[in-house]
């Protein structure tokens, strides 16, 4: 079960559920973050990102969290029940930090909030795909314990790598409230 409302407060940062009224801010942050790993510019594949983020917010089997600092969204994370996967698996569809806020702990805090929710919901495994050329993201995920899925290596022409994560026990971090 996905929790209705969770907030985590760490210093000046609050991690909470994204509100529908904030979708334009989410789309703008997503575009800024994606632009950093496309050296020739973000490809226009015709994706309606506003509609995509709206669907993510409205999914009954998923969550979209945001990090807010001084009233501004500085990071976003979206996860959902894994499609065609075991019931105790979750898929981390998006995790982006505004490039102006890199190396400040925002991504790590968002990841910790996701993992805490996964544990509370009884998830045992998590998966995500990362662009093969996004070395910054790959290093970030490796530091957090994500590893390439040995059963699903990328095809020679595939630009994405499947990473997996063992969601293990542990006590919730301080500052977490449910309401």
C-alpha atoms as a PDB file:
ATOM      1  CA  UNK A   1       0.000   0.000   0.000  1.00  0.00           C
ATOM      2  CA  UNK A   2       1.272   3.450  -0.871  1.00  0.00           C
ATOM      3  CA  UNK A   3       1.046   5.889   2.038  1.00  0.00           C
ATOM      4  CA  UNK A   4      -1.349   8.826   1.735  1.00  0.00           C
ATOM      5  CA  UNK A   5       0.911  11.549   3.093  1.00  0.00           C
ATOM      6  CA  UNK A   6       4.439  11.462   4.416  1.00  0.00           C
ATOM      7  CA  UNK A   7       6.727  14.329   5.256  1.00  0.00           C
ATOM      8  CA  UNK A   8      10.342  14.229   6.267  1.00  0.00           C
ATOM      9  CA  UNK A   9      11.962  17.347   7.684  1.00  0.00           C
ATOM     10  CA  UNK A  10      15.742  17.626   7.764  1.00  0.00           C
ATOM     11  CA  UNK A  11      16.964  21.103   8.580  1.00  0.00           C
ATOM     12  CA  UNK A  12      15.648  23.575   6.003  1.00  0.00           C
ATOM     13  CA  UNK A  13      14.613  20.741   3.665  1.00  0.00           C
ATOM     14  CA  UNK A  14      11.173  19.142   3.625  1.00  0.00           C
ATOM     15  CA  UNK A  15      10.420  16.015   1.635  1.00  0.00           C
ATOM     16  CA  UNK A  16       6.759  15.594   0.864  1.00  0.00           C
ATOM     17  CA  UNK A  17       4.241  14.525  -1.745  1.00  0.00           C
ATOM     18  CA  UNK A  18       4.066  16.693  -4.871  1.00  0.00           C
ATOM     19  CA  UNK A  19       0.840  18.656  -5.188  1.00  0.00           C
ATOM     20  CA  UNK A  20      -1.011  18.743  -8.535  1.00  0.00           C
ATOM     21  CA  UNK A  21      -0.648  22.547  -8.585  1.00  0.00           C
ATOM     22  CA  UNK A  22       3.162  22.105  -8.634  1.00  0.00           C
ATOM     23  CA  UNK A  23       3.334  20.060 -11.845  1.00  0.00           C
ATOM     24  CA  UNK A  24       4.697  22.918 -13.980  1.00  0.00           C
ATOM     25  CA  UNK A  25       7.568  23.357 -11.482  1.00  0.00           C
ATOM     26  CA  UNK A  26       8.210  19.598 -11.578  1.00  0.00           C
ATOM     27  CA  UNK A  27       8.333  19.561 -15.397  1.00  0.00           C
ATOM     28  CA  UNK A  28      10.731  22.533 -15.445  1.00  0.00           C
ATOM     29  CA  UNK A  29      13.070  20.910 -12.891  1.00  0.00           C
ATOM     30  CA  UNK A  30      12.941  17.631 -14.826  1.00  0.00           C
ATOM     31  CA  UNK A  31      13.938  19.442 -18.041  1.00  0.00           C
ATOM     32  CA  UNK A  32      16.856  21.233 -16.348  1.00  0.00           C
ATOM     33  CA  UNK A  33      18.157  17.987 -14.861  1.00  0.00           C
ATOM     34  CA  UNK A  34      17.810  15.989 -18.102  1.00  0.00           C
ATOM     35  CA  UNK A  35      19.597  18.694 -20.081  1.00  0.00           C
ATOM     36  CA  UNK A  36      22.789  18.008 -18.125  1.00  0.00           C
ATOM     37  CA  UNK A  37      23.290  14.533 -19.582  1.00  0.00           C
ATOM     38  CA  UNK A  38      22.415  15.251 -23.192  1.00  0.00           C
ATOM     39  CA  UNK A  39      25.473  17.097 -24.595  1.00  0.00           C
ATOM     40  CA  UNK A  40      23.695  17.801 -27.899  1.00  0.00           C
ATOM     41  CA  UNK A  41      20.488  18.959 -26.230  1.00  0.00           C
ATOM     42  CA  UNK A  42      17.493  17.061 -24.922  1.00  0.00           C
ATOM     43  CA  UNK A  43      15.960  15.086 -27.784  1.00  0.00           C
ATOM     44  CA  UNK A  44      12.399  16.079 -28.661  1.00  0.00           C
ATOM     45  CA  UNK A  45      10.674  12.718 -28.765  1.00  0.00           C
ATOM     46  CA  UNK A  46       7.202  14.223 -28.595  1.00  0.00           C
ATOM     47  CA  UNK A  47       6.670  13.233 -24.951  1.00  0.00           C
ATOM     48  CA  UNK A  48       4.097  15.346 -23.131  1.00  0.00           C
ATOM     49  CA  UNK A  49       5.967  15.556 -19.836  1.00  0.00           C
ATOM     50  CA  UNK A  50       3.218  17.537 -18.108  1.00  0.00           C
ATOM     51  CA  UNK A  51       0.715  14.760 -18.858  1.00  0.00           C
ATOM     52  CA  UNK A  52       3.269  12.132 -17.818  1.00  0.00           C
ATOM     53  CA  UNK A  53       3.948  13.762 -14.465  1.00  0.00           C
ATOM     54  CA  UNK A  54       0.200  14.264 -13.946  1.00  0.00           C
ATOM     55  CA  UNK A  55      -0.334  10.516 -14.486  1.00  0.00           C
ATOM     56  CA  UNK A  56       2.479   9.768 -12.019  1.00  0.00           C
ATOM     57  CA  UNK A  57       0.892  11.984  -9.352  1.00  0.00           C
ATOM     58  CA  UNK A  58      -2.534  10.401  -9.907  1.00  0.00           C
ATOM     59  CA  UNK A  59      -1.379   6.742  -9.916  1.00  0.00           C
ATOM     60  CA  UNK A  60      -2.953   4.769  -7.082  1.00  0.00           C
ATOM     61  CA  UNK A  61       0.084   2.437  -7.004  1.00  0.00           C
ATOM     62  CA  UNK A  62       2.759   5.120  -6.982  1.00  0.00           C
ATOM     63  CA  UNK A  63       4.098   8.262  -5.379  1.00  0.00           C
ATOM     64  CA  UNK A  64       5.821  11.437  -6.449  1.00  0.00           C
ATOM     65  CA  UNK A  65       7.911  13.019  -3.725  1.00  0.00           C
ATOM     66  CA  UNK A  66       9.663  16.360  -3.790  1.00  0.00           C
ATOM     67  CA  UNK A  67      12.379  18.044  -1.798  1.00  0.00           C
ATOM     68  CA  UNK A  68      11.463  21.622  -0.919  1.00  0.00           C
ATOM     69  CA  UNK A  69      13.963  24.152   0.375  1.00  0.00           C
ATOM     70  CA  UNK A  70      12.979  27.713   1.230  1.00  0.00           C
ATOM     71  CA  UNK A  71       9.667  27.249  -0.590  1.00  0.00           C
ATOM     72  CA  UNK A  72      11.221  25.974  -3.842  1.00  0.00           C
ATOM     73  CA  UNK A  73      11.181  22.414  -5.222  1.00  0.00           C
ATOM     74  CA  UNK A  74      14.818  21.312  -5.516  1.00  0.00           C
ATOM     75  CA  UNK A  75      14.371  17.610  -6.265  1.00  0.00           C
ATOM     76  CA  UNK A  76      11.764  15.058  -7.337  1.00  0.00           C
ATOM     77  CA  UNK A  77      11.389  11.294  -7.143  1.00  0.00           C
ATOM     78  CA  UNK A  78       8.669   9.115  -8.623  1.00  0.00           C
ATOM     79  CA  UNK A  79       8.100   5.421  -7.989  1.00  0.00           C
ATOM     80  CA  UNK A  80       5.388   2.861  -8.618  1.00  0.00           C
ATOM     81  CA  UNK A  81       4.637  -0.815  -8.398  1.00  0.00           C
ATOM     82  CA  UNK A  82       6.900  -2.614 -10.846  1.00  0.00           C
ATOM     83  CA  UNK A  83       5.096  -3.687 -14.018  1.00  0.00           C
ATOM     84  CA  UNK A  84       5.365  -7.407 -14.784  1.00  0.00           C
ATOM     85  CA  UNK A  85       7.405  -7.838 -11.617  1.00  0.00           C
ATOM     86  CA  UNK A  86       6.860  -9.473  -8.267  1.00  0.00           C
ATOM     87  CA  UNK A  87       4.296  -7.834  -5.967  1.00  0.00           C
ATOM     88  CA  UNK A  88       7.054  -6.934  -3.515  1.00  0.00           C
ATOM     89  CA  UNK A  89       9.045  -4.997  -6.125  1.00  0.00           C
ATOM     90  CA  UNK A  90       8.990  -1.286  -6.889  1.00  0.00           C
ATOM     91  CA  UNK A  91      10.221   0.737  -9.871  1.00  0.00           C
ATOM     92  CA  UNK A  92      11.983   4.069  -9.318  1.00  0.00           C
ATOM     93  CA  UNK A  93      10.824   5.848 -12.471  1.00  0.00           C
ATOM     94  CA  UNK A  94      12.448   9.249 -11.866  1.00  0.00           C
ATOM     95  CA  UNK A  95      14.875  10.871  -9.440  1.00  0.00           C
ATOM     96  CA  UNK A  96      16.105  14.324 -10.388  1.00  0.00           C
ATOM     97  CA  UNK A  97      17.780  17.144  -8.504  1.00  0.00           C
ATOM     98  CA  UNK A  98      17.907  20.697  -9.785  1.00  0.00           C
ATOM     99  CA  UNK A  99      21.512  21.123 -11.013  1.00  0.00           C
ATOM    100  CA  UNK A 100      21.812  24.253  -8.851  1.00  0.00           C
ATOM    101  CA  UNK A 101      21.371  21.973  -5.828  1.00  0.00           C
ATOM    102  CA  UNK A 102      23.724  19.137  -6.707  1.00  0.00           C
ATOM    103  CA  UNK A 103      26.114  17.881  -4.020  1.00  0.00           C
ATOM    104  CA  UNK A 104      23.926  19.228  -1.174  1.00  0.00           C
ATOM    105  CA  UNK A 105      22.351  15.946  -0.083  1.00  0.00           C
ATOM    106  CA  UNK A 106      19.015  16.455  -1.850  1.00  0.00           C
ATOM    107  CA  UNK A 107      19.239  13.298  -3.959  1.00  0.00           C
ATOM    108  CA  UNK A 108      20.383  11.217  -1.018  1.00  0.00           C
ATOM    109  CA  UNK A 109      17.518  12.574   1.126  1.00  0.00           C
ATOM    110  CA  UNK A 110      14.956  11.818  -1.597  1.00  0.00           C
ATOM    111  CA  UNK A 111      16.366   8.314  -2.014  1.00  0.00           C
ATOM    112  CA  UNK A 112      16.222   7.726   1.758  1.00  0.00           C
ATOM    113  CA  UNK A 113      12.565   8.828   1.800  1.00  0.00           C
ATOM    114  CA  UNK A 114      11.771   6.437  -1.062  1.00  0.00           C
ATOM    115  CA  UNK A 115      13.531   3.523   0.637  1.00  0.00           C
ATOM    116  CA  UNK A 116      11.746   4.239   3.888  1.00  0.00           C
ATOM    117  CA  UNK A 117       8.375   4.122   2.109  1.00  0.00           C
ATOM    118  CA  UNK A 118       9.344   0.944   0.275  1.00  0.00           C
ATOM    119  CA  UNK A 119      10.236  -0.727   3.545  1.00  0.00           C
ATOM    120  CA  UNK A 120       6.985   0.419   5.164  1.00  0.00           C
ATOM    121  CA  UNK A 121       5.083  -1.022   2.197  1.00  0.00           C
ATOM    122  CA  UNK A 122       6.895  -4.382   2.416  1.00  0.00           C
ATOM    123  CA  UNK A 123       8.899  -4.005  -0.786  1.00  0.00           C
ATOM    124  CA  UNK A 124      11.949  -6.250  -1.044  1.00  0.00           C
ATOM    125  CA  UNK A 125      13.481  -5.163  -4.348  1.00  0.00           C
ATOM    126  CA  UNK A 126      13.633  -2.024  -6.460  1.00  0.00           C
ATOM    127  CA  UNK A 127      14.670  -1.401 -10.050  1.00  0.00           C
ATOM    128  CA  UNK A 128      15.424   1.613 -12.223  1.00  0.00           C
ATOM    129  CA  UNK A 129      16.874   2.384 -15.614  1.00  0.00           C
ATOM    130  CA  UNK A 130      19.616   4.926 -16.100  1.00  0.00           C
ATOM    131  CA  UNK A 131      21.037   6.403 -19.300  1.00  0.00           C
ATOM    132  CA  UNK A 132      24.344   4.610 -19.970  1.00  0.00           C
ATOM    133  CA  UNK A 133      26.168   7.906 -20.599  1.00  0.00           C
ATOM    134  CA  UNK A 134      24.870   9.524 -17.404  1.00  0.00           C
ATOM    135  CA  UNK A 135      28.012   8.773 -15.401  1.00  0.00           C
ATOM    136  CA  UNK A 136      27.057  11.159 -12.592  1.00  0.00           C
ATOM    137  CA  UNK A 137      23.772   9.312 -11.962  1.00  0.00           C
ATOM    138  CA  UNK A 138      25.386   5.899 -12.284  1.00  0.00           C
ATOM    139  CA  UNK A 139      28.012   6.833  -9.669  1.00  0.00           C
ATOM    140  CA  UNK A 140      25.305   8.260  -7.386  1.00  0.00           C
ATOM    141  CA  UNK A 141      23.260   5.063  -7.542  1.00  0.00           C
ATOM    142  CA  UNK A 142      26.351   2.887  -7.057  1.00  0.00           C
ATOM    143  CA  UNK A 143      27.198   4.792  -3.845  1.00  0.00           C
ATOM    144  CA  UNK A 144      23.687   4.022  -2.591  1.00  0.00           C
ATOM    145  CA  UNK A 145      23.972   0.284  -3.294  1.00  0.00           C
ATOM    146  CA  UNK A 146      22.329  -0.052  -6.716  1.00  0.00           C
ATOM    147  CA  UNK A 147      23.971  -2.606  -9.015  1.00  0.00           C
ATOM    148  CA  UNK A 148      23.523  -3.587 -12.677  1.00  0.00           C
ATOM    149  CA  UNK A 149      21.029  -6.407 -13.082  1.00  0.00           C
ATOM    150  CA  UNK A 150      23.151  -9.403 -14.188  1.00  0.00           C
ATOM    151  CA  UNK A 151      20.063 -11.104 -15.656  1.00  0.00           C
ATOM    152  CA  UNK A 152      19.198  -8.138 -17.906  1.00  0.00           C
ATOM    153  CA  UNK A 153      22.331  -6.635 -19.481  1.00  0.00           C
ATOM    154  CA  UNK A 154      21.703  -3.900 -22.046  1.00  0.00           C
ATOM    155  CA  UNK A 155      21.585  -4.847 -25.710  1.00  0.00           C
ATOM    156  CA  UNK A 156      24.462  -3.415 -27.802  1.00  0.00           C
ATOM    157  CA  UNK A 157      22.255  -0.605 -29.179  1.00  0.00           C
ATOM    158  CA  UNK A 158      20.415   0.100 -25.904  1.00  0.00           C
ATOM    159  CA  UNK A 159      21.208   3.396 -24.178  1.00  0.00           C
ATOM    160  CA  UNK A 160      19.834   2.393 -20.785  1.00  0.00           C
ATOM    161  CA  UNK A 161      21.113   0.173 -18.003  1.00  0.00           C
ATOM    162  CA  UNK A 162      18.820  -1.651 -15.574  1.00  0.00           C
ATOM    163  CA  UNK A 163      19.918  -1.311 -11.952  1.00  0.00           C
ATOM    164  CA  UNK A 164      18.539  -3.244  -8.990  1.00  0.00           C
ATOM    165  CA  UNK A 165      18.474  -2.537  -5.273  1.00  0.00           C
ATOM    166  CA  UNK A 166      17.835  -4.792  -2.285  1.00  0.00           C
ATOM    167  CA  UNK A 167      15.367  -3.014  -0.015  1.00  0.00           C
ATOM    168  CA  UNK A 168      16.408  -4.350   3.375  1.00  0.00           C
ATOM    169  CA  UNK A 169      15.250  -3.749   6.928  1.00  0.00           C
ATOM    170  CA  UNK A 170      16.388  -1.044   9.213  1.00  0.00           C
ATOM    171  CA  UNK A 171      14.791   1.527  11.415  1.00  0.00           C
ATOM    172  CA  UNK A 172      13.100   4.600   9.946  1.00  0.00           C
ATOM    173  CA  UNK A 173      15.201   7.728  10.118  1.00  0.00           C
ATOM    174  CA  UNK A 174      14.302  10.448  12.649  1.00  0.00           C
ATOM    175  CA  UNK A 175      12.161  13.324  11.424  1.00  0.00           C
ATOM    176  CA  UNK A 176       9.649  11.171   9.577  1.00  0.00           C
ATOM    177  CA  UNK A 177       5.983  11.662  10.347  1.00  0.00           C
ATOM    178  CA  UNK A 178       2.868  10.061   8.940  1.00  0.00           C
ATOM    179  CA  UNK A 179      -0.390  11.924   8.848  1.00  0.00           C
END
